[in-house]
């Protein structure tokens, strides 16, 4: 049995919002998954996760080609 990549399995969900705090979707609540959800939803600017509210800018260093973590994005 192949194990899932570290950091991709988590039961908590993070919620992505636009600039008016309208919910755009949710994703797996890990830093790499949130970063990829931001990549998939360019209009999202804020995320509410277990760590509280964060801006998109806090994930910019993870929004990169090396990040292959699935986001689990649900719109």
C-alpha atoms as a PDB file:
ATOM      1  CA  UNK A   1       0.000   0.000   0.000  1.00  0.00           C
ATOM      2  CA  UNK A   2       1.387   3.409  -0.993  1.00  0.00           C
ATOM      3  CA  UNK A   3       1.345   5.954   1.811  1.00  0.00           C
ATOM      4  CA  UNK A   4       0.139   9.498   1.233  1.00  0.00           C
ATOM      5  CA  UNK A   5       2.767  12.221   1.087  1.00  0.00           C
ATOM      6  CA  UNK A   6       3.507  13.869   4.426  1.00  0.00           C
ATOM      7  CA  UNK A   7       1.420  16.995   4.880  1.00  0.00           C
ATOM      8  CA  UNK A   8      -1.397  15.978   2.522  1.00  0.00           C
ATOM      9  CA  UNK A   9      -3.641  13.992   4.864  1.00  0.00           C
ATOM     10  CA  UNK A  10      -5.705  16.028   7.272  1.00  0.00           C
ATOM     11  CA  UNK A  11      -9.357  16.108   8.248  1.00  0.00           C
ATOM     12  CA  UNK A  12      -9.635  19.841   8.952  1.00  0.00           C
ATOM     13  CA  UNK A  13     -10.778  22.233   6.216  1.00  0.00           C
ATOM     14  CA  UNK A  14      -9.629  25.788   5.576  1.00  0.00           C
ATOM     15  CA  UNK A  15     -12.034  28.329   4.040  1.00  0.00           C
ATOM     16  CA  UNK A  16     -10.991  30.743   1.304  1.00  0.00           C
ATOM     17  CA  UNK A  17     -12.584  34.193   0.990  1.00  0.00           C
ATOM     18  CA  UNK A  18     -12.534  37.023  -1.533  1.00  0.00           C
ATOM     19  CA  UNK A  19     -11.924  40.673  -0.571  1.00  0.00           C
ATOM     20  CA  UNK A  20     -15.546  41.029   0.615  1.00  0.00           C
ATOM     21  CA  UNK A  21     -15.275  37.952   2.870  1.00  0.00           C
ATOM     22  CA  UNK A  22     -17.519  35.893   0.609  1.00  0.00           C
ATOM     23  CA  UNK A  23     -16.639  32.182   0.879  1.00  0.00           C
ATOM     24  CA  UNK A  24     -15.209  30.954  -2.416  1.00  0.00           C
ATOM     25  CA  UNK A  25     -14.400  27.396  -1.364  1.00  0.00           C
ATOM     26  CA  UNK A  26     -12.583  25.208   1.111  1.00  0.00           C
ATOM     27  CA  UNK A  27      -9.493  23.021   1.032  1.00  0.00           C
ATOM     28  CA  UNK A  28      -7.326  20.749   3.149  1.00  0.00           C
ATOM     29  CA  UNK A  29      -5.955  22.688   6.122  1.00  0.00           C
ATOM     30  CA  UNK A  30      -2.199  22.338   5.577  1.00  0.00           C
ATOM     31  CA  UNK A  31       0.105  25.148   4.445  1.00  0.00           C
ATOM     32  CA  UNK A  32       0.972  23.528   1.095  1.00  0.00           C
ATOM     33  CA  UNK A  33      -2.644  22.629   0.328  1.00  0.00           C
ATOM     34  CA  UNK A  34      -3.782  26.165   1.159  1.00  0.00           C
ATOM     35  CA  UNK A  35      -1.076  27.603  -1.106  1.00  0.00           C
ATOM     36  CA  UNK A  36      -2.231  25.441  -4.010  1.00  0.00           C
ATOM     37  CA  UNK A  37      -5.856  26.399  -3.357  1.00  0.00           C
ATOM     38  CA  UNK A  38      -4.764  30.043  -3.628  1.00  0.00           C
ATOM     39  CA  UNK A  39      -3.114  29.137  -6.936  1.00  0.00           C
ATOM     40  CA  UNK A  40      -6.351  27.524  -8.162  1.00  0.00           C
ATOM     41  CA  UNK A  41      -8.494  30.446  -6.928  1.00  0.00           C
ATOM     42  CA  UNK A  42      -6.636  33.642  -7.871  1.00  0.00           C
ATOM     43  CA  UNK A  43      -9.539  35.763  -6.596  1.00  0.00           C
ATOM     44  CA  UNK A  44      -9.113  34.389  -3.040  1.00  0.00           C
ATOM     45  CA  UNK A  45      -7.259  36.778  -0.736  1.00  0.00           C
ATOM     46  CA  UNK A  46      -7.919  35.487   2.798  1.00  0.00           C
ATOM     47  CA  UNK A  47      -7.977  32.034   4.373  1.00  0.00           C
ATOM     48  CA  UNK A  48      -9.484  30.961   7.693  1.00  0.00           C
ATOM     49  CA  UNK A  49      -7.675  27.902   9.005  1.00  0.00           C
ATOM     50  CA  UNK A  50      -6.915  26.349  12.376  1.00  0.00           C
ATOM     51  CA  UNK A  51      -4.266  29.077  12.722  1.00  0.00           C
ATOM     52  CA  UNK A  52      -6.857  31.845  12.292  1.00  0.00           C
ATOM     53  CA  UNK A  53      -7.164  34.384   9.469  1.00  0.00           C
ATOM     54  CA  UNK A  54      -4.228  34.779   7.068  1.00  0.00           C
ATOM     55  CA  UNK A  55      -3.617  36.800   3.928  1.00  0.00           C
ATOM     56  CA  UNK A  56      -2.622  35.318   0.590  1.00  0.00           C
ATOM     57  CA  UNK A  57       0.781  37.009   0.910  1.00  0.00           C
ATOM     58  CA  UNK A  58       1.701  34.666   3.772  1.00  0.00           C
ATOM     59  CA  UNK A  59       1.579  31.717   1.332  1.00  0.00           C
ATOM     60  CA  UNK A  60       3.355  33.319  -1.658  1.00  0.00           C
ATOM     61  CA  UNK A  61       6.596  31.397  -1.022  1.00  0.00           C
ATOM     62  CA  UNK A  62       4.661  28.104  -1.252  1.00  0.00           C
ATOM     63  CA  UNK A  63       2.747  28.997  -4.425  1.00  0.00           C
ATOM     64  CA  UNK A  64       5.459  27.486  -6.600  1.00  0.00           C
ATOM     65  CA  UNK A  65       6.036  24.661  -9.077  1.00  0.00           C
ATOM     66  CA  UNK A  66       7.837  22.553  -6.448  1.00  0.00           C
ATOM     67  CA  UNK A  67       4.612  22.357  -4.386  1.00  0.00           C
ATOM     68  CA  UNK A  68       2.815  19.242  -5.648  1.00  0.00           C
ATOM     69  CA  UNK A  69       0.475  18.885  -2.651  1.00  0.00           C
ATOM     70  CA  UNK A  70      -3.173  18.338  -3.625  1.00  0.00           C
ATOM     71  CA  UNK A  71      -5.376  21.143  -2.335  1.00  0.00           C
ATOM     72  CA  UNK A  72      -8.611  19.198  -2.059  1.00  0.00           C
ATOM     73  CA  UNK A  73     -10.336  22.386  -3.220  1.00  0.00           C
ATOM     74  CA  UNK A  74     -14.120  22.300  -3.134  1.00  0.00           C
ATOM     75  CA  UNK A  75     -15.939  25.284  -4.638  1.00  0.00           C
END
